[in-house]
Amino acid sequence: MFPIVRRTAPGICRTILAPARLSISPSASLVAFPMAAKCRGFSIFNGGSRMGAKMDDKLDMKNLLSQSAWTRDDLDKVEKTHREPRDWVDRAAYYTVQALRGSFDIGSLYKVKNMTGGMRESDWVRRIIFLETVAGVPGMVAGMLRHLHSLRLMRRDYGWIHSLLAEAENERMHLLIALSLRQPGPLFRAAVIGGQALFLSWYTLAYLVCPRYCHRFVGYLEEEAVHTYSKLLEDIDAGKLPLFENL
């Protein structure tokens, strides 16, 4: 189910900032899950036997891909934080993010336009779309690799796979929301394909070598995303992006 989004740019941006997008209440999820589980071949969990009931009780409802949406009050209470690097893995992840962010800001002219006040609506939408095509990669890669790891070792993963796939789905929802404002052209799509090929290859290899580095990398990447979207919201509130106000 897709999120219910107001057709205004501030609404779209604040929806993108929310950690969960699917507008399904917890109670609705609990009601719908048994039917979905039965359809997917898990009808044994819904049997009337004592064994079936015990197995059903062990289902972890917190790790479903479909999470309930945050309220506006929840979003307003979110505070910006920063985790200081504590060891060499943290520092490697932090400086990798800083290097990538700096290179992308210079190559996309974001740094220059941001300093001169030249970031227009089209520039913001292009930036959001491209970044979200990259942001959806880590969760899927990590979920896939942990899935294969669980299969090889023949043991449970205790919710990590579901959480990571939910994060990948969450980022993809961001992309679909941004695409409601603009459809990229052939050159932009080619850049996305190239960027995804490079980032996918690098991140997959890095996760195989050091998963903790990759998780910390994503943490610092999300910190940068907060800075970017906060700047966008500030420009909207300051009246610098009038087209967004009138959508």
C-alpha atoms as a PDB file:
ATOM      1  CA  MET A   1       0.000   0.000   0.000  1.00  0.00           C
ATOM      2  CA  PHE A   2       1.397   3.370  -0.948  1.00  0.00           C
ATOM      3  CA  PRO A   3       1.517   6.233   1.536  1.00  0.00           C
ATOM      4  CA  ILE A   4      -1.123   8.934   1.571  1.00  0.00           C
ATOM      5  CA  VAL A   5       0.774  12.068   0.619  1.00  0.00           C
ATOM      6  CA  ARG A   6      -0.448  15.654   0.305  1.00  0.00           C
ATOM      7  CA  ARG A   7       0.228  16.975  -3.182  1.00  0.00           C
ATOM      8  CA  THR A   8       2.474  19.775  -1.961  1.00  0.00           C
ATOM      9  CA  ALA A   9       6.231  19.934  -1.945  1.00  0.00           C
ATOM     10  CA  PRO A  10       6.535  20.497   1.818  1.00  0.00           C
ATOM     11  CA  GLY A  11       4.283  17.513   2.369  1.00  0.00           C
ATOM     12  CA  ILE A  12       6.327  15.402  -0.015  1.00  0.00           C
ATOM     13  CA  CYS A  13       9.600  16.416   1.620  1.00  0.00           C
ATOM     14  CA  ARG A  14       8.354  15.727   5.116  1.00  0.00           C
ATOM     15  CA  THR A  15       7.017  12.386   3.978  1.00  0.00           C
ATOM     16  CA  ILE A  16      10.443  11.538   2.576  1.00  0.00           C
ATOM     17  CA  LEU A  17      11.999  12.433   5.921  1.00  0.00           C
ATOM     18  CA  ALA A  18       9.783  10.000   7.832  1.00  0.00           C
ATOM     19  CA  PRO A  19      11.488   6.683   8.668  1.00  0.00           C
ATOM     20  CA  ALA A  20       8.370   4.667   7.772  1.00  0.00           C
ATOM     21  CA  ARG A  21       6.134   5.300   4.805  1.00  0.00           C
ATOM     22  CA  LEU A  22       3.465   2.665   4.498  1.00  0.00           C
ATOM     23  CA  SER A  23       0.242   3.952   5.997  1.00  0.00           C
ATOM     24  CA  ILE A  24      -0.865   0.707   7.636  1.00  0.00           C
ATOM     25  CA  SER A  25      -1.851   0.848  11.277  1.00  0.00           C
ATOM     26  CA  PRO A  26      -0.420  -1.803  13.646  1.00  0.00           C
ATOM     27  CA  SER A  27      -3.893  -3.181  14.262  1.00  0.00           C
ATOM     28  CA  ALA A  28      -4.568  -3.471  10.537  1.00  0.00           C
ATOM     29  CA  SER A  29      -1.242  -5.266  10.088  1.00  0.00           C
ATOM     30  CA  LEU A  30      -2.092  -7.779  12.779  1.00  0.00           C
ATOM     31  CA  VAL A  31      -5.455  -8.468  11.199  1.00  0.00           C
ATOM     32  CA  ALA A  32      -4.118  -8.734   7.664  1.00  0.00           C
ATOM     33  CA  PHE A  33      -1.048 -10.839   8.446  1.00  0.00           C
ATOM     34  CA  PRO A  34      -2.728 -14.219   9.050  1.00  0.00           C
ATOM     35  CA  MET A  35      -4.460 -14.011   5.679  1.00  0.00           C
ATOM     36  CA  ALA A  36      -1.230 -12.997   3.932  1.00  0.00           C
ATOM     37  CA  ALA A  37       0.690 -15.749   5.708  1.00  0.00           C
ATOM     38  CA  LYS A  38      -1.838 -18.353   4.611  1.00  0.00           C
ATOM     39  CA  CYS A  39      -1.665 -17.179   1.009  1.00  0.00           C
ATOM     40  CA  ARG A  40       2.132 -17.394   1.085  1.00  0.00           C
ATOM     41  CA  GLY A  41       2.231 -21.002   2.207  1.00  0.00           C
ATOM     42  CA  PHE A  42       2.429 -20.538   5.972  1.00  0.00           C
ATOM     43  CA  SER A  43      -1.040 -21.851   6.736  1.00  0.00           C
ATOM     44  CA  ILE A  44       0.500 -24.218   9.286  1.00  0.00           C
ATOM     45  CA  PHE A  45       0.871 -21.200  11.585  1.00  0.00           C
ATOM     46  CA  ASN A  46      -2.868 -20.615  11.518  1.00  0.00           C
ATOM     47  CA  GLY A  47      -3.987 -24.120  12.407  1.00  0.00           C
ATOM     48  CA  GLY A  48      -6.248 -24.865  15.329  1.00  0.00           C
ATOM     49  CA  SER A  49      -3.842 -27.269  17.012  1.00  0.00           C
ATOM     50  CA  ARG A  50      -1.837 -26.364  20.095  1.00  0.00           C
ATOM     51  CA  MET A  51       1.372 -26.624  18.089  1.00  0.00           C
ATOM     52  CA  GLY A  52       0.021 -24.226  15.487  1.00  0.00           C
ATOM     53  CA  ALA A  53      -0.984 -21.748  18.180  1.00  0.00           C
ATOM     54  CA  LYS A  54       2.463 -21.859  19.792  1.00  0.00           C
ATOM     55  CA  MET A  55       4.191 -21.276  16.461  1.00  0.00           C
ATOM     56  CA  ASP A  56       1.864 -18.367  15.739  1.00  0.00           C
ATOM     57  CA  ASP A  57       2.736 -16.777  19.088  1.00  0.00           C
ATOM     58  CA  LYS A  58       6.415 -16.735  18.122  1.00  0.00           C
ATOM     59  CA  LEU A  59       5.871 -14.665  14.975  1.00  0.00           C
ATOM     60  CA  ASP A  60       7.686 -11.339  15.286  1.00  0.00           C
ATOM     61  CA  MET A  61       5.221  -8.693  14.124  1.00  0.00           C
ATOM     62  CA  LYS A  62       7.795  -5.928  14.579  1.00  0.00           C
ATOM     63  CA  ASN A  63       9.836  -7.030  11.579  1.00  0.00           C
ATOM     64  CA  LEU A  64       7.181  -6.881   8.861  1.00  0.00           C
ATOM     65  CA  LEU A  65       8.088  -4.818   5.810  1.00  0.00           C
ATOM     66  CA  SER A  66       4.848  -2.852   6.185  1.00  0.00           C
ATOM     67  CA  GLN A  67       5.387  -0.569   9.166  1.00  0.00           C
ATOM     68  CA  SER A  68       2.961   2.005  10.510  1.00  0.00           C
ATOM     69  CA  ALA A  69       3.526   5.629   9.457  1.00  0.00           C
ATOM     70  CA  TRP A  70       4.815   8.251  11.842  1.00  0.00           C
ATOM     71  CA  THR A  71       2.494  11.107  12.749  1.00  0.00           C
ATOM     72  CA  ARG A  72       3.352  14.752  12.156  1.00  0.00           C
ATOM     73  CA  ASP A  73       3.863  15.172  15.915  1.00  0.00           C
ATOM     74  CA  ASP A  74       6.415  12.354  15.829  1.00  0.00           C
ATOM     75  CA  LEU A  75       8.286  14.058  12.986  1.00  0.00           C
ATOM     76  CA  ASP A  76       8.345  17.423  14.758  1.00  0.00           C
ATOM     77  CA  LYS A  77       9.962  15.813  17.802  1.00  0.00           C
ATOM     78  CA  VAL A  78      12.888  14.370  15.834  1.00  0.00           C
ATOM     79  CA  GLU A  79      16.195  16.035  16.705  1.00  0.00           C
ATOM     80  CA  LYS A  80      19.385  16.109  14.668  1.00  0.00           C
ATOM     81  CA  THR A  81      22.170  14.063  16.201  1.00  0.00           C
ATOM     82  CA  HIS A  82      25.695  13.051  15.252  1.00  0.00           C
ATOM     83  CA  ARG A  83      27.617   9.970  16.327  1.00  0.00           C
ATOM     84  CA  GLU A  84      31.287  10.737  16.782  1.00  0.00           C
ATOM     85  CA  PRO A  85      33.620   8.101  15.267  1.00  0.00           C
ATOM     86  CA  ARG A  86      34.940   5.825  18.024  1.00  0.00           C
ATOM     87  CA  ASP A  87      37.418   3.579  16.234  1.00  0.00           C
ATOM     88  CA  TRP A  88      39.112   3.105  12.895  1.00  0.00           C
ATOM     89  CA  VAL A  89      36.041   1.460  11.350  1.00  0.00           C
ATOM     90  CA  ASP A  90      33.871   4.428  12.297  1.00  0.00           C
ATOM     91  CA  ARG A  91      36.455   6.883  11.018  1.00  0.00           C
ATOM     92  CA  ALA A  92      36.825   4.999   7.728  1.00  0.00           C
ATOM     93  CA  ALA A  93      33.053   5.028   7.226  1.00  0.00           C
ATOM     94  CA  TYR A  94      32.739   8.692   8.194  1.00  0.00           C
ATOM     95  CA  TYR A  95      35.490   9.946   5.899  1.00  0.00           C
ATOM     96  CA  THR A  96      34.262   7.760   3.040  1.00  0.00           C
ATOM     97  CA  VAL A  97      30.850   9.427   3.304  1.00  0.00           C
ATOM     98  CA  GLN A  98      32.433  12.870   3.530  1.00  0.00           C
ATOM     99  CA  ALA A  99      34.556  12.191   0.441  1.00  0.00           C
ATOM    100  CA  LEU A 100      31.593  10.919  -1.560  1.00  0.00           C
ATOM    101  CA  ARG A 101      29.385  13.790  -0.409  1.00  0.00           C
ATOM    102  CA  GLY A 102      32.019  16.391  -1.273  1.00  0.00           C
ATOM    103  CA  SER A 103      32.694  14.902  -4.702  1.00  0.00           C
ATOM    104  CA  PHE A 104      29.003  14.643  -5.547  1.00  0.00           C
ATOM    105  CA  ASP A 105      28.284  18.178  -4.335  1.00  0.00           C
ATOM    106  CA  ILE A 106      31.045  19.575  -6.526  1.00  0.00           C
ATOM    107  CA  GLY A 107      30.230  17.439  -9.580  1.00  0.00           C
ATOM    108  CA  SER A 108      26.502  18.207  -9.421  1.00  0.00           C
ATOM    109  CA  LEU A 109      27.195  21.936  -8.807  1.00  0.00           C
ATOM    110  CA  TYR A 110      25.189  21.716  -5.584  1.00  0.00           C
ATOM    111  CA  LYS A 111      27.961  23.306  -3.543  1.00  0.00           C
ATOM    112  CA  VAL A 112      28.240  26.335  -5.821  1.00  0.00           C
ATOM    113  CA  LYS A 113      24.502  26.801  -6.245  1.00  0.00           C
ATOM    114  CA  ASN A 114      23.860  26.357  -2.543  1.00  0.00           C
ATOM    115  CA  MET A 115      26.444  29.006  -1.659  1.00  0.00           C
ATOM    116  CA  THR A 116      25.093  31.471  -4.239  1.00  0.00           C
ATOM    117  CA  GLY A 117      21.417  30.750  -3.578  1.00  0.00           C
ATOM    118  CA  GLY A 118      20.938  29.304  -7.047  1.00  0.00           C
ATOM    119  CA  MET A 119      19.294  26.006  -6.116  1.00  0.00           C
ATOM    120  CA  ARG A 120      15.961  25.978  -7.936  1.00  0.00           C
ATOM    121  CA  GLU A 121      13.114  23.492  -7.753  1.00  0.00           C
ATOM    122  CA  SER A 122      14.369  21.449 -10.702  1.00  0.00           C
ATOM    123  CA  ASP A 123      17.838  21.207  -9.139  1.00  0.00           C
ATOM    124  CA  TRP A 124      16.406  19.889  -5.878  1.00  0.00           C
ATOM    125  CA  VAL A 125      14.222  17.303  -7.571  1.00  0.00           C
ATOM    126  CA  ARG A 126      17.106  16.004  -9.689  1.00  0.00           C
ATOM    127  CA  ARG A 127      19.294  15.727  -6.604  1.00  0.00           C
ATOM    128  CA  ILE A 128      16.649  13.887  -4.603  1.00  0.00           C
ATOM    129  CA  ILE A 129      15.883  11.409  -7.375  1.00  0.00           C
ATOM    130  CA  PHE A 130      19.524  10.535  -7.980  1.00  0.00           C
ATOM    131  CA  LEU A 131      20.375  10.172  -4.293  1.00  0.00           C
ATOM    132  CA  GLU A 132      17.376   7.935  -3.633  1.00  0.00           C
ATOM    133  CA  THR A 133      18.383   5.580  -6.456  1.00  0.00           C
ATOM    134  CA  VAL A 134      21.648   5.098  -4.577  1.00  0.00           C
ATOM    135  CA  ALA A 135      20.133   5.032  -1.077  1.00  0.00           C
ATOM    136  CA  GLY A 136      17.977   2.026  -1.945  1.00  0.00           C
ATOM    137  CA  VAL A 137      21.019  -0.171  -2.648  1.00  0.00           C
ATOM    138  CA  PRO A 138      22.577  -0.813   0.825  1.00  0.00           C
ATOM    139  CA  GLY A 139      19.490  -2.348   2.436  1.00  0.00           C
ATOM    140  CA  MET A 140      18.905  -4.735  -0.447  1.00  0.00           C
ATOM    141  CA  VAL A 141      22.556  -5.778  -0.655  1.00  0.00           C
ATOM    142  CA  ALA A 142      22.830  -6.340   3.085  1.00  0.00           C
ATOM    143  CA  GLY A 143      19.531  -8.211   3.216  1.00  0.00           C
ATOM    144  CA  MET A 144      20.531 -10.461   0.327  1.00  0.00           C
ATOM    145  CA  LEU A 145      23.958 -11.253   1.766  1.00  0.00           C
ATOM    146  CA  ARG A 146      22.577 -11.970   5.226  1.00  0.00           C
ATOM    147  CA  HIS A 147      19.910 -14.163   3.614  1.00  0.00           C
ATOM    148  CA  LEU A 148      22.601 -16.205   1.872  1.00  0.00           C
ATOM    149  CA  HIS A 149      24.620 -16.288   5.090  1.00  0.00           C
ATOM    150  CA  SER A 150      21.612 -17.672   6.949  1.00  0.00           C
ATOM    151  CA  LEU A 151      21.145 -20.337   4.295  1.00  0.00           C
ATOM    152  CA  ARG A 152      24.796 -21.404   4.383  1.00  0.00           C
ATOM    153  CA  LEU A 153      24.953 -21.638   8.167  1.00  0.00           C
ATOM    154  CA  MET A 154      21.405 -23.022   8.373  1.00  0.00           C
ATOM    155  CA  ARG A 155      20.396 -20.800  11.262  1.00  0.00           C
ATOM    156  CA  ARG A 156      17.975 -17.922  11.926  1.00  0.00           C
ATOM    157  CA  ASP A 157      18.793 -14.264  11.322  1.00  0.00           C
ATOM    158  CA  TYR A 158      16.514 -12.902  14.085  1.00  0.00           C
ATOM    159  CA  GLY A 159      14.887 -10.102  12.121  1.00  0.00           C
ATOM    160  CA  TRP A 160      17.907  -8.461  10.484  1.00  0.00           C
ATOM    161  CA  ILE A 161      16.943  -9.543   6.971  1.00  0.00           C
ATOM    162  CA  HIS A 162      13.430  -8.149   7.280  1.00  0.00           C
ATOM    163  CA  SER A 163      14.683  -4.882   8.752  1.00  0.00           C
ATOM    164  CA  LEU A 164      17.219  -4.376   5.977  1.00  0.00           C
ATOM    165  CA  LEU A 165      14.749  -5.178   3.211  1.00  0.00           C
ATOM    166  CA  ALA A 166      12.256  -2.793   4.830  1.00  0.00           C
ATOM    167  CA  GLU A 167      14.921  -0.067   4.687  1.00  0.00           C
ATOM    168  CA  ALA A 168      15.507  -0.751   0.985  1.00  0.00           C
ATOM    169  CA  GLU A 169      11.755  -0.587   0.367  1.00  0.00           C
ATOM    170  CA  ASN A 170      11.572   2.622   2.374  1.00  0.00           C
ATOM    171  CA  GLU A 171      14.184   4.319   0.182  1.00  0.00           C
ATOM    172  CA  ARG A 172      12.424   3.112  -2.962  1.00  0.00           C
ATOM    173  CA  MET A 173       9.224   4.758  -1.712  1.00  0.00           C
ATOM    174  CA  HIS A 174      11.168   8.018  -1.400  1.00  0.00           C
ATOM    175  CA  LEU A 175      12.151   7.692  -5.049  1.00  0.00           C
ATOM    176  CA  LEU A 176       8.596   7.039  -6.202  1.00  0.00           C
ATOM    177  CA  ILE A 177       7.364  10.088  -4.295  1.00  0.00           C
ATOM    178  CA  ALA A 178      10.014  12.293  -5.933  1.00  0.00           C
ATOM    179  CA  LEU A 179       9.173  10.879  -9.372  1.00  0.00           C
ATOM    180  CA  SER A 180       5.665  12.292  -9.004  1.00  0.00           C
ATOM    181  CA  LEU A 181       7.308  15.702  -9.521  1.00  0.00           C
ATOM    182  CA  ARG A 182       9.609  14.916 -12.440  1.00  0.00           C
ATOM    183  CA  GLN A 183      10.336  12.168 -14.982  1.00  0.00           C
ATOM    184  CA  PRO A 184      14.084  12.000 -15.757  1.00  0.00           C
ATOM    185  CA  GLY A 185      15.393  12.026 -19.318  1.00  0.00           C
ATOM    186  CA  PRO A 186      17.716   9.550 -21.081  1.00  0.00           C
ATOM    187  CA  LEU A 187      20.984  11.144 -19.900  1.00  0.00           C
ATOM    188  CA  PHE A 188      19.855  11.209 -16.286  1.00  0.00           C
ATOM    189  CA  ARG A 189      18.748   7.582 -16.469  1.00  0.00           C
ATOM    190  CA  ALA A 190      22.114   6.620 -17.962  1.00  0.00           C
ATOM    191  CA  ALA A 191      23.868   8.356 -15.064  1.00  0.00           C
ATOM    192  CA  VAL A 192      21.682   6.435 -12.617  1.00  0.00           C
ATOM    193  CA  ILE A 193      22.570   3.117 -14.265  1.00  0.00           C
ATOM    194  CA  GLY A 194      26.278   3.935 -14.154  1.00  0.00           C
ATOM    195  CA  GLY A 195      26.156   5.139 -10.570  1.00  0.00           C
ATOM    196  CA  GLN A 196      24.193   2.099  -9.448  1.00  0.00           C
ATOM    197  CA  ALA A 197      26.621  -0.283 -11.155  1.00  0.00           C
ATOM    198  CA  LEU A 198      29.622   1.298  -9.430  1.00  0.00           C
ATOM    199  CA  PHE A 199      28.026   1.653  -6.017  1.00  0.00           C
ATOM    200  CA  LEU A 200      26.457  -1.813  -6.076  1.00  0.00           C
ATOM    201  CA  SER A 201      29.775  -3.482  -6.898  1.00  0.00           C
ATOM    202  CA  TRP A 202      31.702  -1.521  -4.280  1.00  0.00           C
ATOM    203  CA  TYR A 203      29.151  -1.906  -1.495  1.00  0.00           C
ATOM    204  CA  THR A 204      28.705  -5.639  -2.078  1.00  0.00           C
ATOM    205  CA  LEU A 205      32.444  -6.240  -1.836  1.00  0.00           C
ATOM    206  CA  ALA A 206      32.729  -3.980   1.214  1.00  0.00           C
ATOM    207  CA  TYR A 207      29.889  -5.806   2.992  1.00  0.00           C
ATOM    208  CA  LEU A 208      31.518  -9.159   2.383  1.00  0.00           C
ATOM    209  CA  VAL A 209      34.755  -7.847   3.917  1.00  0.00           C
ATOM    210  CA  CYS A 210      33.407  -5.779   6.828  1.00  0.00           C
ATOM    211  CA  PRO A 211      29.643  -5.546   7.473  1.00  0.00           C
ATOM    212  CA  ARG A 212      30.138  -3.223  10.461  1.00  0.00           C
ATOM    213  CA  TYR A 213      31.871  -0.665   8.252  1.00  0.00           C
ATOM    214  CA  CYS A 214      28.939  -0.766   5.833  1.00  0.00           C
ATOM    215  CA  HIS A 215      26.328  -0.285   8.558  1.00  0.00           C
ATOM    216  CA  ARG A 216      28.258   2.655   9.992  1.00  0.00           C
ATOM    217  CA  PHE A 217      28.644   4.016   6.456  1.00  0.00           C
ATOM    218  CA  VAL A 218      24.861   4.033   6.035  1.00  0.00           C
ATOM    219  CA  GLY A 219      24.454   5.697   9.423  1.00  0.00           C
ATOM    220  CA  TYR A 220      26.694   8.600   8.414  1.00  0.00           C
ATOM    221  CA  LEU A 221      25.038   8.680   4.997  1.00  0.00           C
ATOM    222  CA  GLU A 222      21.655   9.163   6.686  1.00  0.00           C
ATOM    223  CA  GLU A 223      23.113  12.012   8.731  1.00  0.00           C
ATOM    224  CA  GLU A 224      24.008  13.755   5.484  1.00  0.00           C
ATOM    225  CA  ALA A 225      20.512  13.084   4.149  1.00  0.00           C
ATOM    226  CA  VAL A 226      19.067  14.842   7.198  1.00  0.00           C
ATOM    227  CA  HIS A 227      21.247  17.880   6.477  1.00  0.00           C
ATOM    228  CA  THR A 228      20.172  17.939   2.821  1.00  0.00           C
ATOM    229  CA  TYR A 229      16.439  17.596   3.451  1.00  0.00           C
ATOM    230  CA  SER A 230      16.564  20.058   6.342  1.00  0.00           C
ATOM    231  CA  LYS A 231      18.151  22.615   4.004  1.00  0.00           C
ATOM    232  CA  LEU A 232      15.416  21.944   1.451  1.00  0.00           C
ATOM    233  CA  LEU A 233      12.675  22.464   4.041  1.00  0.00           C
ATOM    234  CA  GLU A 234      14.345  25.673   5.223  1.00  0.00           C
ATOM    235  CA  ASP A 235      14.386  27.017   1.644  1.00  0.00           C
ATOM    236  CA  ILE A 236      10.708  26.124   1.218  1.00  0.00           C
ATOM    237  CA  ASP A 237       9.735  27.792   4.498  1.00  0.00           C
ATOM    238  CA  ALA A 238      11.795  30.867   3.554  1.00  0.00           C
ATOM    239  CA  GLY A 239       9.900  31.237   0.267  1.00  0.00           C
ATOM    240  CA  LYS A 240      12.930  30.557  -1.914  1.00  0.00           C
ATOM    241  CA  LEU A 241      11.147  27.784  -3.857  1.00  0.00           C
ATOM    242  CA  PRO A 242       7.762  29.264  -4.842  1.00  0.00           C
ATOM    243  CA  LEU A 243       6.909  26.499  -7.320  1.00  0.00           C
ATOM    244  CA  PHE A 244       6.957  23.972  -4.500  1.00  0.00           C
ATOM    245  CA  GLU A 245       4.541  26.078  -2.476  1.00  0.00           C
ATOM    246  CA  ASN A 246       1.971  26.197  -5.274  1.00  0.00           C
ATOM    247  CA  LEU A 247       1.940  22.561  -6.391  1.00  0.00           C
END
